[in-house]
Amino acid sequence: PGKRVLIVYAHQEPKSFNGSLLKIAVEELTKQGCSVTVSDLYAMQFEPRATRNDIVAFPMLNNLNCLSLSAQERCSRSCIIRRLIKKLIYDQTAFLKVHSFFPLFWFSMPAILKGWMDRVLVQGFAYDLSKSYDGGLLQDKLSLFSFTTGATKEMYSNGGVSGDVRYVLWPMQHGIMHFCGVKVLEPHICYAPENVSEEKRKEMLTAWTQRLKTLWKEEPIKCSPEWYFK
């Protein structure tokens, strides 16, 4: 069985630089024999809010975590959430990597992508309070964040005005993915593509294409505070 890739895409413009990164990833990974699934959140008109509507039972419960856990145990999630979770469940002989493509908004991911995290990586499926981080429930998966910024690489350096970009990655990679047991690859960051020359943008796309060719040979980062705050 081939490797499986789920791409969660969070940009409203197909012709954007993120759209180009997505197109390259789908083409290259498919060429490698991977089974590639894309969840285009804007095209899906994905609802980012986690509400009681995600749960189709338990009207008397008022704690969302309790609702979530009870629904997972009794398979009582809404149809959309069941479909999204199914994209993360696969044959045990397969190998799945989750890619997220997005522009950096206010030192974080766009609300629509955060909503995907809130609604899909739920208690009882992605984590349990007694099974988190290295013991999380999604230990058999890999994750890679690919995103663009408005600021330059120098601004996101340790001495830059925005601070080291790894500080930004701490809640996303460590607080979400690692918490669920997912192993995390080095992020792919394209700094300020709107503010560079066409030649530089082509270089960025070429670098992404080249990385994809050897992506499956990469080792995950060491998910520890030292990696983010050294």
Protein backbone atom coordinates (compact mmCIF):
# COMPACT_ATOMS: atom_id res chain seq x y z
CA PRO A 1 0.00 0.00 0.00
CA GLY A 2 1.24 3.49 -0.85
CA LYS A 3 1.71 6.40 1.48
CA ARG A 4 -1.25 8.65 2.14
CA VAL A 5 -1.24 12.41 2.40
CA LEU A 6 -4.00 14.67 3.69
CA ILE A 7 -3.57 18.32 2.75
CA VAL A 8 -5.59 20.87 4.70
CA TYR A 9 -5.61 24.02 2.58
CA ALA A 10 -6.59 27.36 4.11
CA HIS A 11 -6.41 30.11 1.51
CA GLN A 12 -9.35 31.68 -0.28
CA GLU A 13 -7.53 32.45 -3.54
CA PRO A 14 -6.58 29.48 -5.78
CA LYS A 15 -4.14 31.68 -7.75
CA SER A 16 -2.25 32.74 -4.62
CA PHE A 17 1.31 31.73 -3.80
CA ASN A 18 -0.12 29.21 -1.33
CA GLY A 19 -2.19 27.88 -4.21
CA SER A 20 1.00 27.34 -6.20
CA LEU A 21 2.58 25.50 -3.27
CA LEU A 22 -0.52 23.30 -3.03
CA LYS A 23 -0.51 22.50 -6.76
CA ILE A 24 3.17 21.52 -6.65
CA ALA A 25 2.61 19.31 -3.60
CA VAL A 26 -0.34 17.47 -5.17
CA GLU A 27 1.52 16.91 -8.45
CA GLU A 28 4.82 15.81 -6.91
CA LEU A 29 3.35 13.56 -4.22
CA THR A 30 0.97 11.95 -6.72
CA LYS A 31 3.93 11.36 -9.03
CA GLN A 32 5.62 9.55 -6.13
CA GLY A 33 2.67 7.18 -5.90
CA CYS A 34 1.08 8.76 -2.84
CA SER A 35 -2.67 8.86 -2.35
CA VAL A 36 -3.38 12.59 -1.90
CA THR A 37 -6.57 14.04 -0.41
CA VAL A 38 -7.15 17.80 -0.22
CA SER A 39 -9.51 19.48 2.23
CA ASP A 40 -9.91 22.97 0.76
CA LEU A 41 -11.55 24.68 3.72
CA TYR A 42 -12.67 27.85 1.94
CA ALA A 43 -14.04 25.95 -1.03
CA MET A 44 -15.91 23.71 1.42
CA GLN A 45 -17.26 26.81 3.20
CA PHE A 46 -16.06 25.11 6.34
CA GLU A 47 -17.68 26.28 9.57
CA PRO A 48 -14.80 26.98 12.00
CA ARG A 49 -16.86 27.15 15.20
CA ALA A 50 -16.98 24.09 17.44
CA THR A 51 -20.54 24.05 18.74
CA ARG A 52 -23.20 21.71 20.07
CA ASN A 53 -24.24 21.13 16.45
CA ASP A 54 -21.17 18.89 16.08
CA ILE A 55 -22.82 16.50 18.53
CA VAL A 56 -26.09 14.83 17.57
CA ALA A 57 -26.95 13.49 21.03
CA PHE A 58 -26.64 14.28 24.74
CA PRO A 59 -28.85 17.42 24.94
CA MET A 60 -28.46 17.61 28.73
CA LEU A 61 -24.66 17.93 28.73
CA ASN A 62 -23.32 21.49 28.68
CA ASN A 63 -19.55 20.92 28.75
CA LEU A 64 -18.10 20.75 25.22
CA ASN A 65 -15.25 18.44 26.25
CA CYS A 66 -17.70 16.05 27.91
CA LEU A 67 -19.92 16.24 24.85
CA SER A 68 -16.98 15.54 22.58
CA LEU A 69 -15.75 12.54 24.54
CA SER A 70 -19.23 11.06 24.91
CA ALA A 71 -19.93 11.51 21.22
CA GLN A 72 -16.67 9.82 20.27
CA GLU A 73 -17.47 6.86 22.49
CA ARG A 74 -20.97 6.49 21.05
CA CYS A 75 -20.23 7.51 17.42
CA SER A 76 -22.67 10.40 17.74
CA ARG A 77 -20.83 13.11 15.84
CA SER A 78 -22.41 15.12 13.05
CA CYS A 79 -21.97 13.87 9.48
CA ILE A 80 -19.42 16.53 8.50
CA ILE A 81 -17.20 15.81 11.50
CA ARG A 82 -17.42 12.06 10.90
CA ARG A 83 -16.33 12.60 7.29
CA LEU A 84 -13.41 14.83 8.31
CA ILE A 85 -12.26 12.41 10.99
CA LYS A 86 -12.50 9.55 8.47
CA LYS A 87 -9.88 11.36 6.37
CA LEU A 88 -7.47 10.91 9.27
CA ILE A 89 -8.27 7.20 9.74
CA TYR A 90 -6.53 4.78 7.41
CA ASP A 91 -5.46 1.20 6.85
CA GLN A 92 -2.79 0.25 9.38
CA THR A 93 -0.40 -0.70 6.59
CA ALA A 94 -0.54 2.81 5.13
CA PHE A 95 1.45 5.82 6.25
CA LEU A 96 -0.14 9.24 6.47
CA LYS A 97 1.27 12.73 6.53
CA VAL A 98 -0.85 15.81 7.20
CA HIS A 99 0.14 18.99 5.36
CA SER A 100 -1.31 22.38 6.25
CA PHE A 101 -0.97 25.26 3.78
CA PHE A 102 -1.88 28.75 4.97
CA PRO A 103 -0.84 32.41 5.21
CA LEU A 104 0.28 33.45 8.69
CA PHE A 105 -2.42 35.65 10.31
CA TRP A 106 -1.56 37.60 13.46
CA PHE A 107 1.22 35.20 14.51
CA SER A 108 -1.09 32.23 14.05
CA MET A 109 -3.08 30.19 11.54
CA PRO A 110 -6.26 31.58 9.93
CA ALA A 111 -9.44 31.10 11.96
CA ILE A 112 -10.83 28.61 9.44
CA LEU A 113 -7.81 26.32 9.91
CA LYS A 114 -7.89 26.71 13.70
CA GLY A 115 -11.55 25.71 13.46
CA TRP A 116 -10.55 22.54 11.63
CA MET A 117 -8.18 21.74 14.49
CA ASP A 118 -10.89 22.50 17.06
CA ARG A 119 -13.55 20.39 15.40
CA VAL A 120 -11.54 17.43 14.06
CA LEU A 121 -8.73 16.86 16.57
CA VAL A 122 -11.20 16.08 19.32
CA GLN A 123 -10.90 14.37 22.67
CA GLY A 124 -11.34 10.63 22.42
CA PHE A 125 -10.09 10.58 18.83
CA ALA A 126 -6.91 12.68 18.72
CA TYR A 127 -6.03 12.77 22.39
CA ASP A 128 -7.06 11.79 25.86
CA LEU A 129 -6.05 13.64 29.01
CA SER A 130 -4.09 10.56 30.09
CA LYS A 131 -2.69 10.03 26.57
CA SER A 132 -1.06 13.15 25.18
CA TYR A 133 2.22 14.36 23.66
CA ASP A 134 4.44 11.30 23.08
CA GLY A 135 1.53 9.15 24.25
CA GLY A 136 -1.08 10.91 22.10
CA LEU A 137 -3.58 8.91 20.08
CA LEU A 138 -2.23 9.96 16.64
CA GLN A 139 1.31 8.67 17.07
CA ASP A 140 1.31 6.98 13.65
CA LYS A 141 1.04 10.26 11.75
CA LEU A 142 3.38 13.00 10.55
CA SER A 143 2.61 16.69 10.17
CA LEU A 144 4.17 19.50 8.17
CA PHE A 145 3.15 23.16 8.30
CA SER A 146 3.76 25.06 5.07
CA PHE A 147 2.94 28.75 5.26
CA THR A 148 3.70 32.20 3.93
CA THR A 149 4.40 35.37 5.88
CA GLY A 150 3.99 39.07 5.23
CA ALA A 151 7.21 39.91 7.06
CA THR A 152 10.76 39.10 6.04
CA LYS A 153 12.95 36.32 7.39
CA GLU A 154 15.07 38.93 9.19
CA MET A 155 12.01 40.24 11.04
CA TYR A 156 11.26 36.68 12.20
CA SER A 157 14.82 36.07 13.41
CA ASN A 158 15.90 35.81 17.03
CA GLY A 159 16.96 39.44 17.04
CA GLY A 160 14.17 40.66 14.76
CA VAL A 161 11.21 42.80 15.72
CA SER A 162 8.81 39.82 15.47
CA GLY A 163 11.04 37.41 17.38
CA ASP A 164 12.16 33.96 16.30
CA VAL A 165 9.53 32.29 14.11
CA ARG A 166 9.85 29.21 16.32
CA TYR A 167 8.02 31.12 19.06
CA VAL A 168 5.07 31.35 16.68
CA LEU A 169 5.28 27.64 15.93
CA TRP A 170 5.18 26.58 19.60
CA PRO A 171 1.35 26.63 20.03
CA MET A 172 0.68 25.20 16.56
CA GLN A 173 3.25 22.43 16.30
CA HIS A 174 3.77 21.61 19.97
CA GLY A 175 0.48 22.65 21.56
CA ILE A 176 -1.71 20.98 18.93
CA MET A 177 0.11 18.42 16.81
CA HIS A 178 2.61 17.09 19.34
CA PHE A 179 -0.08 17.14 22.04
CA CYS A 180 -2.04 14.68 19.86
CA GLY A 181 1.03 12.46 19.44
CA VAL A 182 1.73 13.55 15.85
CA LYS A 183 5.38 13.69 14.83
CA VAL A 184 6.33 17.05 13.33
CA LEU A 185 8.62 17.79 10.40
CA GLU A 186 10.55 21.02 9.98
CA PRO A 187 8.06 23.64 8.73
CA HIS A 188 8.31 25.02 5.22
CA ILE A 189 8.18 28.81 5.40
CA CYS A 190 8.10 31.19 2.45
CA TYR A 191 8.90 34.65 3.74
CA ALA A 192 7.12 37.67 2.23
CA PRO A 193 6.50 36.24 -1.26
CA GLU A 194 4.40 39.30 -2.18
CA ASN A 195 7.36 41.61 -1.60
CA VAL A 196 10.09 39.82 -3.55
CA SER A 197 10.92 39.58 -7.24
CA GLU A 198 9.31 37.09 -9.61
CA GLU A 199 12.66 35.35 -9.83
CA LYS A 200 12.81 34.94 -6.05
CA ARG A 201 9.28 33.52 -5.99
CA LYS A 202 10.29 30.97 -8.63
CA GLU A 203 13.27 30.04 -6.47
CA MET A 204 10.92 29.47 -3.52
CA LEU A 205 8.71 27.18 -5.60
CA THR A 206 11.72 25.28 -6.91
CA ALA A 207 13.02 24.80 -3.35
CA TRP A 208 9.62 23.40 -2.32
CA THR A 209 9.60 21.01 -5.28
CA GLN A 210 13.08 19.77 -4.40
CA ARG A 211 12.16 19.26 -0.76
CA LEU A 212 9.13 17.19 -1.69
CA LYS A 213 11.34 14.78 -3.62
CA THR A 214 13.10 13.67 -0.40
CA LEU A 215 10.38 14.49 2.11
CA TRP A 216 9.79 10.91 3.22
CA LYS A 217 13.44 10.58 4.23
CA GLU A 218 13.29 13.47 6.69
CA GLU A 219 13.44 12.94 10.43
CA PRO A 220 10.91 14.70 12.68
CA ILE A 221 12.11 17.60 14.80
CA LYS A 222 12.76 17.07 18.49
CA CYS A 223 9.50 18.29 19.99
CA SER A 224 10.80 19.92 23.14
CA PRO A 225 10.90 23.47 24.55
CA GLU A 226 14.59 23.61 23.67
CA TRP A 227 13.83 23.34 19.92
CA TYR A 228 11.51 26.35 20.11
CA PHE A 229 13.20 28.55 22.67
CA LYS A 230 16.90 27.79 22.49
